[in-house]
């Protein structure tokens, strides 16, 4: 039996484009009517605000299509996926937890705010200078545009980078 048939979506599913994890588990998506949509003009305005917020932040992409940080990384920018499912996605896609010292390009950074998962980002660059690791990531900040920035350089509501994951083969 093909793996994508392990859990067939019901005919009355709220989403008409299901997304599956590597294991065949269907990743839950909220109904489309529950996903806010931003206009391109509003996104560009937010981008200007964020770019003035800190140096070193680079605007990567502006799209009014409704996706978030989880959808950017795990659904190729095609879906909004609630962050509450992040540990299920990591498990079902066979990611494993690693240390900051093991982090390389392509790995995932998980942020926490008030001890709750609050954001994920994709590692795009890692430079080690002595004992210091400078890590740049690609992020989608809620419904705002995508930005490339240093790992610690996120809005306060996104918390701090505290967990690191990879899908690399050991």
Protein backbone atom coordinates (compact mmCIF):
# COMPACT_ATOMS: atom_id res chain seq x y z
CA UNK A 1 0.00 0.00 0.00
CA UNK A 2 1.47 3.40 -0.95
CA UNK A 3 2.37 5.53 2.07
CA UNK A 4 0.17 8.47 0.98
CA UNK A 5 -2.91 6.30 1.41
CA UNK A 6 -2.29 5.58 5.10
CA UNK A 7 -4.79 8.27 6.08
CA UNK A 8 -7.14 9.27 3.30
CA UNK A 9 -8.80 12.67 3.81
CA UNK A 10 -12.56 12.70 4.27
CA UNK A 11 -14.76 14.13 1.53
CA UNK A 12 -15.93 16.94 3.81
CA UNK A 13 -12.43 18.09 4.79
CA UNK A 14 -12.13 21.83 5.38
CA UNK A 15 -8.99 22.05 3.27
CA UNK A 16 -9.02 20.85 -0.33
CA UNK A 17 -5.23 20.60 -0.64
CA UNK A 18 -4.04 18.29 2.13
CA UNK A 19 -0.41 18.26 3.20
CA UNK A 20 1.25 15.11 4.46
CA UNK A 21 4.33 14.54 6.56
CA UNK A 22 6.97 12.10 5.40
CA UNK A 23 5.36 9.36 7.50
CA UNK A 24 2.00 9.76 5.73
CA UNK A 25 0.40 11.65 8.64
CA UNK A 26 -1.95 14.36 7.41
CA UNK A 27 -0.88 17.75 8.77
CA UNK A 28 -3.93 19.61 10.13
CA UNK A 29 -4.75 22.93 8.51
CA UNK A 30 -7.29 25.49 9.68
CA UNK A 31 -10.27 26.20 7.42
CA UNK A 32 -9.49 28.90 4.88
CA UNK A 33 -12.07 31.27 6.33
CA UNK A 34 -10.15 31.29 9.64
CA UNK A 35 -6.88 32.45 8.02
CA UNK A 36 -6.51 36.25 7.87
CA UNK A 37 -5.26 37.63 4.56
CA UNK A 38 -3.06 40.72 4.27
CA UNK A 39 -2.96 42.97 1.25
CA UNK A 40 0.30 43.40 -0.62
CA UNK A 41 0.34 47.09 0.29
CA UNK A 42 -0.01 46.34 4.01
CA UNK A 43 2.74 43.72 3.81
CA UNK A 44 5.08 46.19 2.12
CA UNK A 45 4.29 48.74 4.82
CA UNK A 46 5.12 46.16 7.52
CA UNK A 47 8.33 45.28 5.68
CA UNK A 48 9.46 48.93 5.78
CA UNK A 49 8.69 49.04 9.51
CA UNK A 50 10.68 45.87 10.24
CA UNK A 51 13.61 46.93 8.08
CA UNK A 52 13.89 50.16 10.07
CA UNK A 53 13.72 48.16 13.31
CA UNK A 54 17.21 46.62 13.15
CA UNK A 55 20.25 46.57 10.93
CA UNK A 56 21.16 43.37 9.14
CA UNK A 57 17.60 42.31 8.37
CA UNK A 58 17.14 41.57 4.66
CA UNK A 59 13.73 41.48 2.99
CA UNK A 60 13.54 38.16 1.12
CA UNK A 61 10.00 37.87 -0.22
CA UNK A 62 6.65 39.65 -0.11
CA UNK A 63 3.58 37.59 -0.95
CA UNK A 64 -0.04 38.13 0.02
CA UNK A 65 -0.62 34.35 -0.12
CA UNK A 66 -1.56 33.25 3.42
CA UNK A 67 1.23 31.10 4.84
CA UNK A 68 3.26 31.32 8.01
CA UNK A 69 6.69 30.23 9.25
CA UNK A 70 5.65 26.57 9.57
CA UNK A 71 4.08 26.58 6.11
CA UNK A 72 7.17 28.28 4.67
CA UNK A 73 9.49 25.51 5.88
CA UNK A 74 7.30 22.41 5.83
CA UNK A 75 4.83 23.15 3.01
CA UNK A 76 6.92 25.10 0.47
CA UNK A 77 5.13 28.40 1.17
CA UNK A 78 1.78 26.91 0.19
CA UNK A 79 -0.12 26.70 3.49
CA UNK A 80 -0.80 28.15 6.88
CA UNK A 81 -0.06 25.48 9.51
CA UNK A 82 -0.72 26.15 13.19
CA UNK A 83 2.45 26.18 15.27
CA UNK A 84 0.72 23.92 17.79
CA UNK A 85 1.52 21.02 15.43
CA UNK A 86 5.27 21.70 15.22
CA UNK A 87 6.40 18.81 17.43
CA UNK A 88 4.15 16.39 15.53
CA UNK A 89 5.56 17.62 12.21
CA UNK A 90 9.16 17.33 13.43
CA UNK A 91 8.50 13.78 14.66
CA UNK A 92 6.54 12.66 11.59
CA UNK A 93 9.15 14.13 9.22
CA UNK A 94 11.90 12.34 11.20
CA UNK A 95 13.72 15.40 12.49
CA UNK A 96 15.94 14.94 15.51
CA UNK A 97 17.01 17.44 18.13
CA UNK A 98 20.60 18.71 17.91
CA UNK A 99 22.78 21.24 19.73
CA UNK A 100 23.71 24.72 18.56
CA UNK A 101 27.24 23.41 17.88
CA UNK A 102 25.83 20.85 15.39
CA UNK A 103 23.71 23.37 13.49
CA UNK A 104 24.31 23.65 9.71
CA UNK A 105 22.55 25.22 6.74
CA UNK A 106 19.14 23.61 6.18
CA UNK A 107 18.45 22.85 9.85
CA UNK A 108 15.49 24.30 11.75
CA UNK A 109 15.50 26.67 14.73
CA UNK A 110 12.53 26.56 17.12
CA UNK A 111 11.77 29.66 19.18
CA UNK A 112 9.88 29.76 22.45
CA UNK A 113 8.06 32.60 24.17
CA UNK A 114 6.77 32.05 27.71
CA UNK A 115 7.78 28.38 27.40
CA UNK A 116 5.52 27.84 24.36
CA UNK A 117 6.66 27.30 20.75
CA UNK A 118 6.34 30.68 19.04
CA UNK A 119 8.27 30.55 15.74
CA UNK A 120 10.43 28.40 13.46
CA UNK A 121 13.14 29.49 11.06
CA UNK A 122 15.35 27.83 8.46
CA UNK A 123 19.14 28.10 8.85
CA UNK A 124 20.73 29.78 5.80
CA UNK A 125 24.27 30.49 7.03
CA UNK A 126 26.52 29.44 9.92
CA UNK A 127 29.85 31.14 10.62
CA UNK A 128 32.06 30.15 13.52
CA UNK A 129 34.56 32.71 14.76
CA UNK A 130 36.45 31.35 17.76
CA UNK A 131 33.77 30.25 20.22
CA UNK A 132 31.07 32.42 18.63
CA UNK A 133 28.51 31.01 16.19
CA UNK A 134 26.83 33.55 13.94
CA UNK A 135 23.70 31.96 12.54
CA UNK A 136 21.49 33.55 9.89
CA UNK A 137 18.01 32.24 9.25
CA UNK A 138 15.09 32.70 6.90
CA UNK A 139 11.85 33.59 8.68
CA UNK A 140 8.25 34.43 7.95
CA UNK A 141 7.03 36.61 10.79
CA UNK A 142 3.36 35.74 11.09
CA UNK A 143 1.59 37.19 8.05
CA UNK A 144 4.40 39.65 7.37
CA UNK A 145 6.99 39.15 4.60
CA UNK A 146 9.93 36.75 4.72
CA UNK A 147 13.18 38.09 6.13
CA UNK A 148 16.73 36.81 6.38
CA UNK A 149 18.33 37.84 9.67
CA UNK A 150 20.58 36.76 12.51
CA UNK A 151 18.99 34.01 14.57
CA UNK A 152 18.48 36.19 17.66
CA UNK A 153 17.13 39.14 15.66
CA UNK A 154 13.37 38.55 15.85
CA UNK A 155 10.50 40.62 17.20
CA UNK A 156 10.16 40.16 20.99
CA UNK A 157 6.82 38.34 20.61
CA UNK A 158 8.62 35.53 18.78
CA UNK A 159 10.68 34.67 21.81
CA UNK A 160 14.17 33.22 21.80
CA UNK A 161 15.86 30.48 19.76
CA UNK A 162 16.03 27.51 22.13
CA UNK A 163 15.80 24.25 20.19
CA UNK A 164 17.48 23.06 17.02
CA UNK A 165 16.44 20.23 14.69
CA UNK A 166 17.83 18.44 11.66
CA UNK A 167 16.66 15.83 9.21
CA UNK A 168 20.24 14.96 8.23
CA UNK A 169 21.11 11.29 8.27
CA UNK A 170 23.41 10.39 11.14
